């Protein structure tokens, strides 16, 4: 599959990428290269290969649902540029 310049312009517009007409041939070559890699992947023989575990097959690890305060207040506040007691200090923004 090969993309023509009109399709490349449309892809760029849909992706909200502003391109100059001088950049269009380079982008066209790049996108055609990506599509070439995808075509190579379609040629791979996957008969007899089991699919990898996806989100539909994996079981979620469950944990006990317990409400805590996090227990890391001092560690969190150590990252604050300014703190007053157990609170972040921020500049006043509303008069």
C-alpha atoms as a PDB file:
ATOM      1  CA  UNK A   1       0.000   0.000   0.000  1.00  0.00           C
ATOM      2  CA  UNK A   2       1.307   3.409  -0.914  1.00  0.00           C
ATOM      3  CA  UNK A   3      -0.053   6.757   0.251  1.00  0.00           C
ATOM      4  CA  UNK A   4      -0.531   9.596  -2.208  1.00  0.00           C
ATOM      5  CA  UNK A   5       0.145  13.247  -1.272  1.00  0.00           C
ATOM      6  CA  UNK A   6      -3.577  13.993  -0.811  1.00  0.00           C
ATOM      7  CA  UNK A   7      -3.898  11.185   1.748  1.00  0.00           C
ATOM      8  CA  UNK A   8      -0.778  12.371   3.584  1.00  0.00           C
ATOM      9  CA  UNK A   9      -2.243  15.900   3.755  1.00  0.00           C
ATOM     10  CA  UNK A  10      -5.498  14.464   5.133  1.00  0.00           C
ATOM     11  CA  UNK A  11      -3.668  12.390   7.766  1.00  0.00           C
ATOM     12  CA  UNK A  12      -1.698  15.472   8.824  1.00  0.00           C
ATOM     13  CA  UNK A  13      -4.890  17.531   9.047  1.00  0.00           C
ATOM     14  CA  UNK A  14      -6.668  14.860  11.106  1.00  0.00           C
ATOM     15  CA  UNK A  15      -3.645  14.642  13.419  1.00  0.00           C
ATOM     16  CA  UNK A  16      -3.591  18.449  13.586  1.00  0.00           C
ATOM     17  CA  UNK A  17      -0.023  18.533  12.317  1.00  0.00           C
ATOM     18  CA  UNK A  18       0.861  21.586  10.276  1.00  0.00           C
ATOM     19  CA  UNK A  19       3.190  20.651   7.417  1.00  0.00           C
ATOM     20  CA  UNK A  20       4.691  22.675   4.607  1.00  0.00           C
ATOM     21  CA  UNK A  21       4.368  21.488   1.038  1.00  0.00           C
ATOM     22  CA  UNK A  22       8.165  21.108   0.985  1.00  0.00           C
ATOM     23  CA  UNK A  23       7.955  18.599   3.876  1.00  0.00           C
ATOM     24  CA  UNK A  24       5.211  16.548   2.212  1.00  0.00           C
ATOM     25  CA  UNK A  25       7.463  14.153   0.215  1.00  0.00           C
ATOM     26  CA  UNK A  26       9.568  13.311   3.278  1.00  0.00           C
ATOM     27  CA  UNK A  27       6.478  12.649   5.381  1.00  0.00           C
ATOM     28  CA  UNK A  28       5.013  10.559   2.561  1.00  0.00           C
ATOM     29  CA  UNK A  29       8.186   8.396   2.442  1.00  0.00           C
ATOM     30  CA  UNK A  30       8.135   8.021   6.213  1.00  0.00           C
ATOM     31  CA  UNK A  31       4.482   6.958   6.361  1.00  0.00           C
ATOM     32  CA  UNK A  32       4.954   4.575   3.419  1.00  0.00           C
ATOM     33  CA  UNK A  33       7.904   3.029   5.287  1.00  0.00           C
ATOM     34  CA  UNK A  34       5.722   2.481   8.360  1.00  0.00           C
ATOM     35  CA  UNK A  35       3.040   0.850   6.226  1.00  0.00           C
ATOM     36  CA  UNK A  36       5.724  -1.340   4.645  1.00  0.00           C
ATOM     37  CA  UNK A  37       6.695  -2.663   8.087  1.00  0.00           C
ATOM     38  CA  UNK A  38       3.046  -3.421   8.807  1.00  0.00           C
ATOM     39  CA  UNK A  39       2.750  -5.314   5.507  1.00  0.00           C
ATOM     40  CA  UNK A  40       5.815  -7.368   6.504  1.00  0.00           C
ATOM     41  CA  UNK A  41       4.129  -8.262   9.787  1.00  0.00           C
ATOM     42  CA  UNK A  42       1.074  -9.462   7.869  1.00  0.00           C
ATOM     43  CA  UNK A  43       3.297 -11.953   6.014  1.00  0.00           C
ATOM     44  CA  UNK A  44       4.413 -13.710   9.217  1.00  0.00           C
ATOM     45  CA  UNK A  45       3.031 -17.245   9.576  1.00  0.00           C
ATOM     46  CA  UNK A  46       1.290 -17.412  12.949  1.00  0.00           C
ATOM     47  CA  UNK A  47      -0.517 -20.743  12.495  1.00  0.00           C
ATOM     48  CA  UNK A  48      -0.310 -22.730  15.717  1.00  0.00           C
ATOM     49  CA  UNK A  49       0.912 -19.789  17.785  1.00  0.00           C
ATOM     50  CA  UNK A  50      -1.167 -19.235  20.897  1.00  0.00           C
ATOM     51  CA  UNK A  51      -2.134 -15.617  21.576  1.00  0.00           C
ATOM     52  CA  UNK A  52      -0.394 -13.896  24.439  1.00  0.00           C
ATOM     53  CA  UNK A  53      -2.351 -13.172  27.583  1.00  0.00           C
ATOM     54  CA  UNK A  54      -4.380 -10.029  27.096  1.00  0.00           C
ATOM     55  CA  UNK A  55      -6.507  -8.069  29.484  1.00  0.00           C
ATOM     56  CA  UNK A  56      -9.452 -10.373  28.857  1.00  0.00           C
ATOM     57  CA  UNK A  57      -7.613 -13.465  30.074  1.00  0.00           C
ATOM     58  CA  UNK A  58      -5.589 -12.100  32.977  1.00  0.00           C
ATOM     59  CA  UNK A  59      -7.007 -12.289  36.487  1.00  0.00           C
ATOM     60  CA  UNK A  60      -6.746  -9.133  38.537  1.00  0.00           C
ATOM     61  CA  UNK A  61      -4.866  -9.318  41.790  1.00  0.00           C
ATOM     62  CA  UNK A  62      -7.225  -8.354  44.566  1.00  0.00           C
ATOM     63  CA  UNK A  63      -6.229  -6.579  47.742  1.00  0.00           C
ATOM     64  CA  UNK A  64      -8.104  -5.777  50.881  1.00  0.00           C
ATOM     65  CA  UNK A  65     -10.117  -2.561  50.521  1.00  0.00           C
ATOM     66  CA  UNK A  66      -8.932  -0.579  53.532  1.00  0.00           C
ATOM     67  CA  UNK A  67      -9.043   3.183  54.003  1.00  0.00           C
ATOM     68  CA  UNK A  68      -5.722   4.565  55.240  1.00  0.00           C
ATOM     69  CA  UNK A  69      -4.080   7.949  55.470  1.00  0.00           C
ATOM     70  CA  UNK A  70      -1.204   6.710  53.309  1.00  0.00           C
ATOM     71  CA  UNK A  71       1.285   6.800  56.156  1.00  0.00           C
ATOM     72  CA  UNK A  72       3.799   8.852  54.162  1.00  0.00           C
ATOM     73  CA  UNK A  73       2.899  12.426  55.117  1.00  0.00           C
ATOM     74  CA  UNK A  74       6.460  13.408  56.018  1.00  0.00           C
ATOM     75  CA  UNK A  75       7.854  11.909  52.805  1.00  0.00           C
ATOM     76  CA  UNK A  76       5.261  13.732  50.710  1.00  0.00           C
ATOM     77  CA  UNK A  77       5.767  17.049  52.487  1.00  0.00           C
ATOM     78  CA  UNK A  78       9.538  16.755  52.054  1.00  0.00           C
ATOM     79  CA  UNK A  79       8.956  17.420  48.327  1.00  0.00           C
ATOM     80  CA  UNK A  80       6.993  20.618  48.978  1.00  0.00           C
ATOM     81  CA  UNK A  81       8.775  23.909  48.284  1.00  0.00           C
ATOM     82  CA  UNK A  82       7.180  25.343  51.425  1.00  0.00           C
ATOM     83  CA  UNK A  83       5.152  23.683  54.180  1.00  0.00           C
ATOM     84  CA  UNK A  84       3.513  24.875  57.383  1.00  0.00           C
ATOM     85  CA  UNK A  85       2.964  21.984  59.760  1.00  0.00           C
ATOM     86  CA  UNK A  86       1.225  19.123  57.966  1.00  0.00           C
ATOM     87  CA  UNK A  87       0.096  21.348  55.049  1.00  0.00           C
ATOM     88  CA  UNK A  88       1.477  22.638  51.750  1.00  0.00           C
ATOM     89  CA  UNK A  89       1.952  26.403  51.668  1.00  0.00           C
ATOM     90  CA  UNK A  90       0.963  28.010  48.372  1.00  0.00           C
ATOM     91  CA  UNK A  91       0.835  31.630  47.211  1.00  0.00           C
ATOM     92  CA  UNK A  92      -2.453  33.435  47.713  1.00  0.00           C
ATOM     93  CA  UNK A  93      -4.329  33.673  44.401  1.00  0.00           C
ATOM     94  CA  UNK A  94      -7.703  35.087  45.502  1.00  0.00           C
ATOM     95  CA  UNK A  95      -8.061  38.410  47.281  1.00  0.00           C
END
